[in-house]
Amino acid sequence: MGRVAFIFVLLLECMIAKEDTALKRCAVCHESKAPPLSRIYRRYLMLYSSKERIRNKMVDFLVSPSLQKSAMPLGMRKRFNPQAHPAYSKTVAKEAAKELIEKFDIVPRIIVPKR
């Protein structure tokens, strides 16, 4: 019984540790009062298309948020006020952008039928 409890606690700690990611910090606001992260990624994808450019533009915005750096359309910029977005360190911004791209990238989801 003691071993089962130990394994359960260990698994629970691993799950909690994995959830404390850079993207989890973003999700706090982006699930309630800011545009959904999936919509933000799609907007960046439409504007910049390459993952490298998307990553660079996201990091640039997250390090020093401003109205001009926002990828959102003008109406959404006025509604959600990107200047009020918290600024992050470059390290955290890079990690968050990387996680966002990995989570919402559509390429791994595309299934090419075998001929």
C-alpha atoms as a PDB file:
ATOM      1  CA  MET A   1       0.000   0.000   0.000  1.00  0.00           C
ATOM      2  CA  GLY A   2       2.836   2.374   0.832  1.00  0.00           C
ATOM      3  CA  ARG A   3       4.439   1.803  -2.585  1.00  0.00           C
ATOM      4  CA  VAL A   4       1.182   2.583  -4.376  1.00  0.00           C
ATOM      5  CA  ALA A   5       0.816   5.837  -2.437  1.00  0.00           C
ATOM      6  CA  PHE A   6       4.434   6.766  -3.175  1.00  0.00           C
ATOM      7  CA  ILE A   7       3.992   6.137  -6.912  1.00  0.00           C
ATOM      8  CA  PHE A   8       0.749   8.133  -6.925  1.00  0.00           C
ATOM      9  CA  VAL A   9       2.404  11.116  -5.201  1.00  0.00           C
ATOM     10  CA  LEU A  10       5.386  10.912  -7.555  1.00  0.00           C
ATOM     11  CA  LEU A  11       3.141  10.904 -10.639  1.00  0.00           C
ATOM     12  CA  LEU A  12       1.117  13.800  -9.253  1.00  0.00           C
ATOM     13  CA  GLU A  13       4.272  15.859  -8.689  1.00  0.00           C
ATOM     14  CA  CYS A  14       5.449  15.125 -12.224  1.00  0.00           C
ATOM     15  CA  MET A  15       2.128  16.286 -13.660  1.00  0.00           C
ATOM     16  CA  ILE A  16       2.212  19.512 -11.639  1.00  0.00           C
ATOM     17  CA  ALA A  17       5.820  20.204 -12.629  1.00  0.00           C
ATOM     18  CA  LYS A  18       5.034  19.761 -16.339  1.00  0.00           C
ATOM     19  CA  GLU A  19       2.151  22.225 -16.167  1.00  0.00           C
ATOM     20  CA  ASP A  20       4.337  25.048 -14.853  1.00  0.00           C
ATOM     21  CA  THR A  21       5.496  26.116 -18.292  1.00  0.00           C
ATOM     22  CA  ALA A  22       5.882  29.494 -19.922  1.00  0.00           C
ATOM     23  CA  LEU A  23       2.725  28.928 -21.938  1.00  0.00           C
ATOM     24  CA  LYS A  24       0.772  28.168 -18.761  1.00  0.00           C
ATOM     25  CA  ARG A  25       1.527  31.721 -17.576  1.00  0.00           C
ATOM     26  CA  CYS A  26       0.034  33.069 -20.789  1.00  0.00           C
ATOM     27  CA  ALA A  27      -3.047  30.860 -20.573  1.00  0.00           C
ATOM     28  CA  VAL A  28      -4.106  32.471 -17.299  1.00  0.00           C
ATOM     29  CA  CYS A  29      -5.258  35.619 -19.128  1.00  0.00           C
ATOM     30  CA  HIS A  30      -5.726  34.187 -22.600  1.00  0.00           C
ATOM     31  CA  GLU A  31      -8.400  31.778 -21.370  1.00  0.00           C
ATOM     32  CA  SER A  32     -10.520  34.496 -19.800  1.00  0.00           C
ATOM     33  CA  LYS A  33      -9.937  38.117 -20.819  1.00  0.00           C
ATOM     34  CA  ALA A  34      -7.589  38.054 -23.813  1.00  0.00           C
ATOM     35  CA  PRO A  35      -7.856  36.446 -27.284  1.00  0.00           C
ATOM     36  CA  PRO A  36      -7.370  32.649 -27.254  1.00  0.00           C
ATOM     37  CA  LEU A  37      -3.814  31.496 -27.892  1.00  0.00           C
ATOM     38  CA  SER A  38      -4.937  29.386 -30.846  1.00  0.00           C
ATOM     39  CA  ARG A  39      -6.370  32.474 -32.559  1.00  0.00           C
ATOM     40  CA  ILE A  40      -3.204  34.439 -31.886  1.00  0.00           C
ATOM     41  CA  TYR A  41      -1.078  31.693 -33.429  1.00  0.00           C
ATOM     42  CA  ARG A  42      -3.319  31.549 -36.510  1.00  0.00           C
ATOM     43  CA  ARG A  43      -3.016  35.312 -36.927  1.00  0.00           C
ATOM     44  CA  TYR A  44       0.798  35.149 -36.728  1.00  0.00           C
ATOM     45  CA  LEU A  45       0.750  32.249 -39.175  1.00  0.00           C
ATOM     46  CA  MET A  46      -1.297  34.255 -41.681  1.00  0.00           C
ATOM     47  CA  LEU A  47       1.002  37.266 -41.392  1.00  0.00           C
ATOM     48  CA  TYR A  48       4.448  35.677 -41.270  1.00  0.00           C
ATOM     49  CA  SER A  49       4.094  32.041 -42.451  1.00  0.00           C
ATOM     50  CA  SER A  50       7.568  30.806 -41.402  1.00  0.00           C
ATOM     51  CA  LYS A  51       7.995  29.450 -37.880  1.00  0.00           C
ATOM     52  CA  GLU A  52      11.232  31.390 -37.438  1.00  0.00           C
ATOM     53  CA  ARG A  53       9.592  34.722 -38.306  1.00  0.00           C
ATOM     54  CA  ILE A  54       6.613  33.891 -36.104  1.00  0.00           C
ATOM     55  CA  ARG A  55       8.917  33.081 -33.196  1.00  0.00           C
ATOM     56  CA  ASN A  56      10.934  36.286 -33.681  1.00  0.00           C
ATOM     57  CA  LYS A  57       7.832  38.496 -33.896  1.00  0.00           C
ATOM     58  CA  MET A  58       6.248  36.869 -30.825  1.00  0.00           C
ATOM     59  CA  VAL A  59       9.414  37.237 -28.787  1.00  0.00           C
ATOM     60  CA  ASP A  60       9.756  40.867 -29.871  1.00  0.00           C
ATOM     61  CA  PHE A  61       6.182  41.573 -28.734  1.00  0.00           C
ATOM     62  CA  LEU A  62       6.515  39.666 -25.434  1.00  0.00           C
ATOM     63  CA  VAL A  63       9.757  41.438 -24.485  1.00  0.00           C
ATOM     64  CA  SER A  64       8.339  44.927 -25.135  1.00  0.00           C
ATOM     65  CA  PRO A  65       4.580  44.888 -25.845  1.00  0.00           C
ATOM     66  CA  SER A  66       3.167  47.759 -27.896  1.00  0.00           C
ATOM     67  CA  LEU A  67       0.231  48.565 -30.138  1.00  0.00           C
ATOM     68  CA  GLN A  68       2.470  48.619 -33.222  1.00  0.00           C
ATOM     69  CA  LYS A  69       4.032  45.200 -32.531  1.00  0.00           C
ATOM     70  CA  SER A  70       0.710  43.433 -32.005  1.00  0.00           C
ATOM     71  CA  ALA A  71      -0.309  41.014 -34.762  1.00  0.00           C
ATOM     72  CA  MET A  72      -4.001  41.462 -34.028  1.00  0.00           C
ATOM     73  CA  PRO A  73      -6.293  43.514 -36.297  1.00  0.00           C
ATOM     74  CA  LEU A  74      -6.899  47.134 -35.278  1.00  0.00           C
ATOM     75  CA  GLY A  75     -10.308  46.451 -33.711  1.00  0.00           C
ATOM     76  CA  MET A  76      -8.900  43.746 -31.464  1.00  0.00           C
ATOM     77  CA  ARG A  77      -5.931  45.934 -30.554  1.00  0.00           C
ATOM     78  CA  LYS A  78      -8.289  48.626 -29.334  1.00  0.00           C
ATOM     79  CA  ARG A  79     -10.431  46.122 -27.461  1.00  0.00           C
ATOM     80  CA  PHE A  80      -7.654  44.165 -25.713  1.00  0.00           C
ATOM     81  CA  ASN A  81      -5.011  46.915 -25.256  1.00  0.00           C
ATOM     82  CA  PRO A  82      -1.704  45.154 -26.018  1.00  0.00           C
ATOM     83  CA  GLN A  83       0.260  47.891 -24.211  1.00  0.00           C
ATOM     84  CA  ALA A  84      -1.105  46.490 -20.937  1.00  0.00           C
ATOM     85  CA  HIS A  85       0.392  43.061 -21.726  1.00  0.00           C
ATOM     86  CA  PRO A  86       3.106  42.160 -19.195  1.00  0.00           C
ATOM     87  CA  ALA A  87       6.679  42.266 -20.489  1.00  0.00           C
ATOM     88  CA  TYR A  88       8.724  39.083 -20.113  1.00  0.00           C
ATOM     89  CA  SER A  89      12.422  38.345 -20.180  1.00  0.00           C
ATOM     90  CA  LYS A  90      13.816  37.203 -23.502  1.00  0.00           C
ATOM     91  CA  THR A  91      14.341  33.676 -22.138  1.00  0.00           C
ATOM     92  CA  VAL A  92      10.729  33.294 -20.992  1.00  0.00           C
ATOM     93  CA  ALA A  93       9.448  34.889 -24.209  1.00  0.00           C
ATOM     94  CA  LYS A  94      11.442  32.444 -26.366  1.00  0.00           C
ATOM     95  CA  GLU A  95      10.175  29.485 -24.361  1.00  0.00           C
ATOM     96  CA  ALA A  96       6.548  30.664 -24.555  1.00  0.00           C
ATOM     97  CA  ALA A  97       6.773  31.243 -28.323  1.00  0.00           C
ATOM     98  CA  LYS A  98       8.355  27.812 -28.816  1.00  0.00           C
ATOM     99  CA  GLU A  99       5.644  26.096 -26.771  1.00  0.00           C
ATOM    100  CA  LEU A 100       2.866  27.990 -28.565  1.00  0.00           C
ATOM    101  CA  ILE A 101       4.188  27.005 -31.984  1.00  0.00           C
ATOM    102  CA  GLU A 102       4.577  23.359 -30.934  1.00  0.00           C
ATOM    103  CA  LYS A 103       1.075  23.238 -29.446  1.00  0.00           C
ATOM    104  CA  PHE A 104      -0.843  24.867 -32.308  1.00  0.00           C
ATOM    105  CA  ASP A 105       1.264  23.961 -35.351  1.00  0.00           C
ATOM    106  CA  ILE A 106      -0.905  22.324 -37.995  1.00  0.00           C
ATOM    107  CA  VAL A 107       1.839  20.528 -39.936  1.00  0.00           C
ATOM    108  CA  PRO A 108       2.099  17.522 -37.567  1.00  0.00           C
ATOM    109  CA  ARG A 109      -1.688  17.133 -37.787  1.00  0.00           C
ATOM    110  CA  ILE A 110      -1.741  16.785 -41.555  1.00  0.00           C
ATOM    111  CA  ILE A 111      -2.059  13.167 -42.607  1.00  0.00           C
ATOM    112  CA  VAL A 112      -0.931  12.436 -46.132  1.00  0.00           C
ATOM    113  CA  PRO A 113      -2.693   9.370 -47.536  1.00  0.00           C
ATOM    114  CA  LYS A 114      -0.451   6.560 -48.730  1.00  0.00           C
ATOM    115  CA  ARG A 115      -0.751   5.651 -52.370  1.00  0.00           C
END
